[in-house]
Protein backbone atom coordinates (compact mmCIF):
# COMPACT_ATOMS: atom_id res chain seq x y z
CA MET A 1 0.00 0.00 0.00
CA LEU A 2 2.90 2.36 0.64
CA PHE A 3 4.05 2.11 -2.98
CA ARG A 4 0.53 2.62 -4.32
CA SER A 5 0.23 5.67 -2.10
CA LEU A 6 3.46 7.07 -3.50
CA ASP A 7 1.75 7.15 -6.88
CA TRP A 8 -1.64 8.42 -5.62
CA TYR A 9 -0.10 11.33 -3.73
CA ARG A 10 2.77 12.18 -6.05
CA TYR A 11 1.37 15.69 -6.65
CA ALA A 12 1.54 16.49 -2.94
CA GLN A 13 5.34 16.61 -3.14
CA HIS A 14 5.22 19.87 -5.12
CA ASP A 15 1.83 21.25 -4.08
CA SER A 16 2.58 24.84 -3.05
CA CYS A 17 -0.78 25.03 -1.28
CA LEU A 18 0.43 22.52 1.32
CA ARG A 19 2.10 25.28 3.32
CA PHE A 20 0.47 26.06 6.60
CA ASN A 21 -0.06 29.04 8.87
CA TYR A 22 0.09 27.46 12.31
CA ASN A 23 -1.67 30.46 13.88
CA ASN A 24 -4.60 30.49 11.48
CA PHE A 25 -6.29 27.09 11.53
CA GLU A 26 -10.08 27.41 11.57
CA ARG A 27 -10.62 23.95 13.06
CA ASP A 28 -8.55 21.73 15.29
CA PHE A 29 -9.45 18.52 13.48
CA LEU A 30 -10.19 17.33 9.94
CA ILE A 31 -12.31 14.19 9.68
CA TYR A 32 -13.19 12.53 6.38
CA ASN A 33 -16.19 10.33 7.14
CA ARG A 34 -17.62 9.24 3.79
CA ALA A 35 -18.87 5.74 4.67
CA TRP A 36 -19.97 3.80 7.75
CA SER A 37 -21.14 0.38 6.51
CA GLY A 38 -19.35 -2.95 6.88
CA THR A 39 -16.10 -2.77 8.84
CA ARG A 40 -16.59 0.98 9.13
CA GLU A 41 -19.60 0.76 11.45
CA TYR A 42 -17.42 2.01 14.32
CA ARG A 43 -17.55 5.44 12.67
CA LEU A 44 -21.15 5.83 13.81
CA LYS A 45 -20.07 5.34 17.43
CA PHE A 46 -17.15 7.70 16.86
CA CYS A 47 -19.56 10.38 15.63
CA GLU A 48 -21.82 9.83 18.61
CA LEU A 49 -18.86 10.29 20.95
CA LEU A 50 -17.94 13.50 19.12
CA VAL A 51 -21.39 14.80 19.92
CA GLU A 52 -21.33 13.62 23.54
CA ASN A 53 -17.94 15.25 24.11
CA GLU A 54 -19.05 18.51 22.46
CA LEU A 55 -16.29 18.29 19.88
CA VAL A 56 -18.27 18.68 16.66
CA ASN A 57 -17.59 22.42 16.43
CA THR A 58 -13.84 21.82 16.74
CA CYS A 59 -13.94 19.57 13.65
CA GLN A 60 -14.40 19.92 9.94
CA ILE A 61 -16.65 16.92 9.41
CA ASN A 62 -19.68 15.87 7.42
CA PHE A 63 -22.02 12.95 7.85
CA SER A 64 -24.03 10.89 5.37
CA ALA A 65 -27.23 9.35 6.70
CA PHE A 66 -27.15 6.79 3.87
CA ASP A 67 -24.41 4.36 2.88
CA ASN A 68 -24.93 1.74 0.16
CA GLN A 69 -28.60 2.77 0.19
CA ASN A 70 -28.87 1.87 3.88
CA TYR A 71 -30.12 4.37 6.46
CA TYR A 72 -27.88 4.65 9.50
CA LEU A 73 -30.72 4.42 12.06
CA HIS A 74 -31.68 1.06 10.53
CA HIS A 75 -28.14 -0.31 10.58
CA VAL A 76 -27.77 -3.67 12.34
CA PHE A 77 -24.45 -3.58 14.15
CA LYS A 78 -22.19 -6.59 13.90
CA ASN A 79 -20.76 -5.48 17.24
CA PRO A 80 -23.73 -4.41 19.40
CA ARG A 81 -21.40 -2.44 21.67
CA LEU A 82 -20.95 0.04 18.82
CA ALA A 83 -24.67 0.70 18.53
CA ILE A 84 -25.78 4.32 18.83
CA SER A 85 -28.81 6.12 20.19
CA LYS A 86 -28.28 9.68 18.94
CA ARG A 87 -29.79 11.12 15.78
CA LEU A 88 -26.49 12.08 14.20
CA HIS A 89 -28.03 13.85 11.20
CA GLU A 90 -29.38 16.47 13.61
CA CYS A 91 -25.99 17.05 15.24
CA ILE A 92 -23.38 16.84 12.45
CA PRO A 93 -23.51 18.69 9.10
CA GLN A 94 -24.58 16.39 6.30
CA TYR A 95 -22.91 16.06 2.93
CA THR A 96 -24.69 18.26 0.42
CA THR A 97 -23.84 15.80 -2.36
CA ARG A 98 -23.48 12.05 -2.22
CA PRO A 99 -19.96 11.12 -1.01
CA ASP A 100 -17.72 9.61 -3.66
CA ALA A 101 -16.79 6.12 -2.48
CA GLY A 102 -13.55 6.34 -4.45
CA ALA A 103 -12.46 9.61 -2.90
CA SER A 104 -10.56 8.15 0.04
CA ALA A 105 -7.31 8.60 -1.91
CA ASP A 106 -8.05 12.27 -2.57
CA TYR A 107 -6.92 15.20 -0.49
CA SER A 108 -7.90 18.84 -0.39
CA SER A 109 -5.11 21.32 0.23
CA MET A 110 -7.77 23.79 1.39
CA ASP A 111 -8.95 21.31 4.03
CA TYR A 112 -5.41 20.97 5.28
CA GLN A 113 -4.93 24.72 5.36
CA ASN A 114 -8.09 25.08 7.44
CA CYS A 115 -7.51 22.22 9.90
CA ALA A 116 -4.59 21.37 12.16
CA ILE A 117 -4.76 17.61 12.76
CA ASP A 118 -6.09 14.86 10.47
CA ILE A 119 -8.20 12.32 12.35
CA VAL A 120 -7.76 9.30 10.07
CA LEU A 121 -10.72 6.92 10.14
CA GLU A 122 -9.20 3.73 8.78
CA THR A 123 -11.16 0.96 7.09
CA LEU A 124 -10.48 -1.50 9.93
CA PHE A 125 -10.91 -0.61 13.59
CA ASP A 126 -12.83 -3.33 15.43
CA ASP A 127 -10.36 -6.00 14.37
CA ASN A 128 -7.04 -7.51 15.41
CA ARG A 129 -5.39 -7.18 12.00
CA ILE A 130 -3.06 -4.32 11.11
CA HIS A 131 -4.24 -3.02 7.78
CA CYS A 132 -2.97 0.33 6.49
CA THR A 133 -4.78 1.82 3.51
CA GLU A 134 -4.14 4.96 1.49
CA LYS A 135 -6.01 6.89 4.21
CA ILE A 136 -3.15 6.73 6.71
CA PHE A 137 -0.58 7.76 4.10
CA ARG A 138 -2.60 10.81 3.00
CA PRO A 139 -1.53 13.09 5.89
CA ILE A 140 2.00 11.70 5.71
CA ALA A 141 2.29 12.64 2.03
CA CYS A 142 0.78 16.08 2.71
CA GLY A 143 2.93 16.93 5.71
CA LYS A 144 0.11 16.89 8.27
CA PRO A 145 0.00 15.50 11.81
CA PHE A 146 -2.58 12.81 12.44
CA ILE A 147 -4.33 10.63 14.97
CA ALA A 148 -4.98 7.12 13.65
CA VAL A 149 -8.42 5.73 14.44
CA ALA A 150 -7.39 2.23 13.45
CA THR A 151 -6.60 -1.20 14.82
CA PRO A 152 -4.12 -1.38 17.72
CA GLY A 153 -0.49 -1.45 16.70
CA VAL A 154 -0.84 0.63 13.53
CA LEU A 155 1.50 3.35 14.83
CA SER A 156 4.18 0.77 15.60
CA TYR A 157 3.68 -0.57 12.09
CA LEU A 158 4.26 2.87 10.59
CA LYS A 159 7.40 3.25 12.67
CA SER A 160 8.70 0.02 11.15
CA TYR A 161 8.63 1.87 7.80
CA GLY A 162 10.78 4.60 9.31
CA PHE A 163 8.00 7.15 9.87
CA GLU A 164 7.70 9.14 13.06
CA THR A 165 4.55 9.46 15.10
CA PHE A 166 3.72 12.20 17.59
CA ASN A 167 4.23 10.63 21.00
CA GLY A 168 5.44 13.25 23.46
CA LEU A 169 3.27 15.84 21.74
CA LEU A 170 0.11 13.74 21.56
CA ASP A 171 -0.81 10.89 23.87
CA GLU A 172 -0.57 7.88 21.58
CA SER A 173 -1.32 5.27 24.24
CA TYR A 174 -4.52 4.51 22.30
CA ASP A 175 -2.40 2.45 19.90
CA THR A 176 -1.96 -0.20 22.60
CA ILE A 177 -5.62 -0.46 23.67
CA VAL A 178 -7.27 -3.63 22.41
CA ASP A 179 -10.88 -2.96 23.41
CA PRO A 180 -12.50 -0.92 20.61
CA ILE A 181 -14.78 1.17 22.83
CA ASP A 182 -11.98 2.00 25.24
CA ARG A 183 -9.73 2.91 22.30
CA LEU A 184 -12.35 5.25 20.85
CA LYS A 185 -12.91 6.92 24.21
CA TYR A 186 -9.18 7.38 24.75
CA ILE A 187 -8.82 9.04 21.35
CA LEU A 188 -11.74 11.35 22.10
CA GLU A 189 -10.21 12.32 25.45
CA GLU A 190 -6.99 13.30 23.71
CA MET A 191 -8.90 15.31 21.12
CA LYS A 192 -10.75 17.07 23.94
CA ARG A 193 -7.46 17.87 25.70
CA VAL A 194 -6.03 19.44 22.56
CA ALA A 195 -9.22 21.40 21.83
CA LYS A 196 -9.20 22.92 25.33
CA LEU A 197 -5.58 24.11 25.27
CA PRO A 198 -5.03 27.86 25.66
CA LYS A 199 -4.47 29.56 22.33
CA THR A 200 -0.73 30.11 22.68
CA GLN A 201 -0.11 26.53 23.84
CA LYS A 202 -2.24 25.20 21.01
CA HIS A 203 -0.32 27.18 18.39
CA ASP A 204 2.98 25.95 19.81
CA LEU A 205 1.70 22.36 19.72
CA TYR A 206 0.62 22.73 16.10
CA TYR A 207 4.01 24.11 15.15
CA GLN A 208 5.84 21.20 16.81
CA LEU A 209 3.49 18.62 15.29
CA HIS A 210 4.02 19.99 11.80
CA ILE A 211 7.80 19.83 12.18
CA VAL A 212 7.47 16.07 12.70
CA ALA A 213 4.93 15.83 9.88
CA GLN A 214 7.26 17.56 7.45
CA ARG A 215 10.00 15.06 8.26
CA ASN A 216 7.54 12.27 7.50
CA LYS A 217 6.68 13.88 4.18
CA GLN A 218 10.36 14.06 3.26
CA ARG A 219 10.79 10.39 4.18
CA PHE A 220 7.68 9.43 2.21
CA PHE A 221 8.92 10.97 -1.04
CA ARG A 222 12.51 9.91 -0.46
CA ASP A 223 11.20 6.35 -0.75
CA ARG A 224 10.19 7.14 -4.35
CA LYS A 225 13.83 7.24 -5.42
C-alpha cells in the first residue's frame, strides 16, 4: 500500500498550497467520514462520541445518513457495543452531495490549510489485523499531523517503515488499547485535551506537530527514489 500511495499522492510533493499558517487554523481537526457500513460501522459510534464530548464544532466533518442505500438508524451492528442512540443527522452537518466512495485517496489542500490535525478513520478498527490503507498515508504525504483511528499497533507498524509518530506531543497510548470502545474513548479524550488548550499553547503544539509531519513527508517521497 505504501508504494501505491506514493503514486496516488505524487502531486503532494510539489503542491505549493500545502504550506500552513500554524496560527490560522479554523478547526482543530479534519475528519473525512464518507462511509460507515461494513467494517466501518465504528464510525457511527465515533460520531456519537464527538457529539457527547461537544467536539463537533472543533472539527471539519460531514455525515451521510445513507451508505450503500442503507439508512444509518436502521443499521444492524455486527458489534452491538458500537450501537448508537443519537440522531447524528441532527448534530453533524450532512454532505450536500453524495460522497464519492472512491475519494478516500483524494486530499484537499484547502482542508489541510483550514484544519490542524487529520483524524484518520481507517477501514479496519474493530479488528485484530493491522491493515494500512491509502487513508493513513494521505496526511503523511501532505505533511500533516494525524491521529490514527485504526486497529491497535498501527502506529508501531508505521514506525517500522521509518516514519515518526507524535508521542510526546500527543498521547498515543490509544495504539496499545485492544478494546475498541476504550480505544475510541481514549482518542476522544486526547482530542478534547487538545481542543481545550489555551491559544498560545495550542499554536505551539501545532508548530511542533508539523515539524514532525514535514520530516515524515520528506521520508515518504525519499522512498520514491
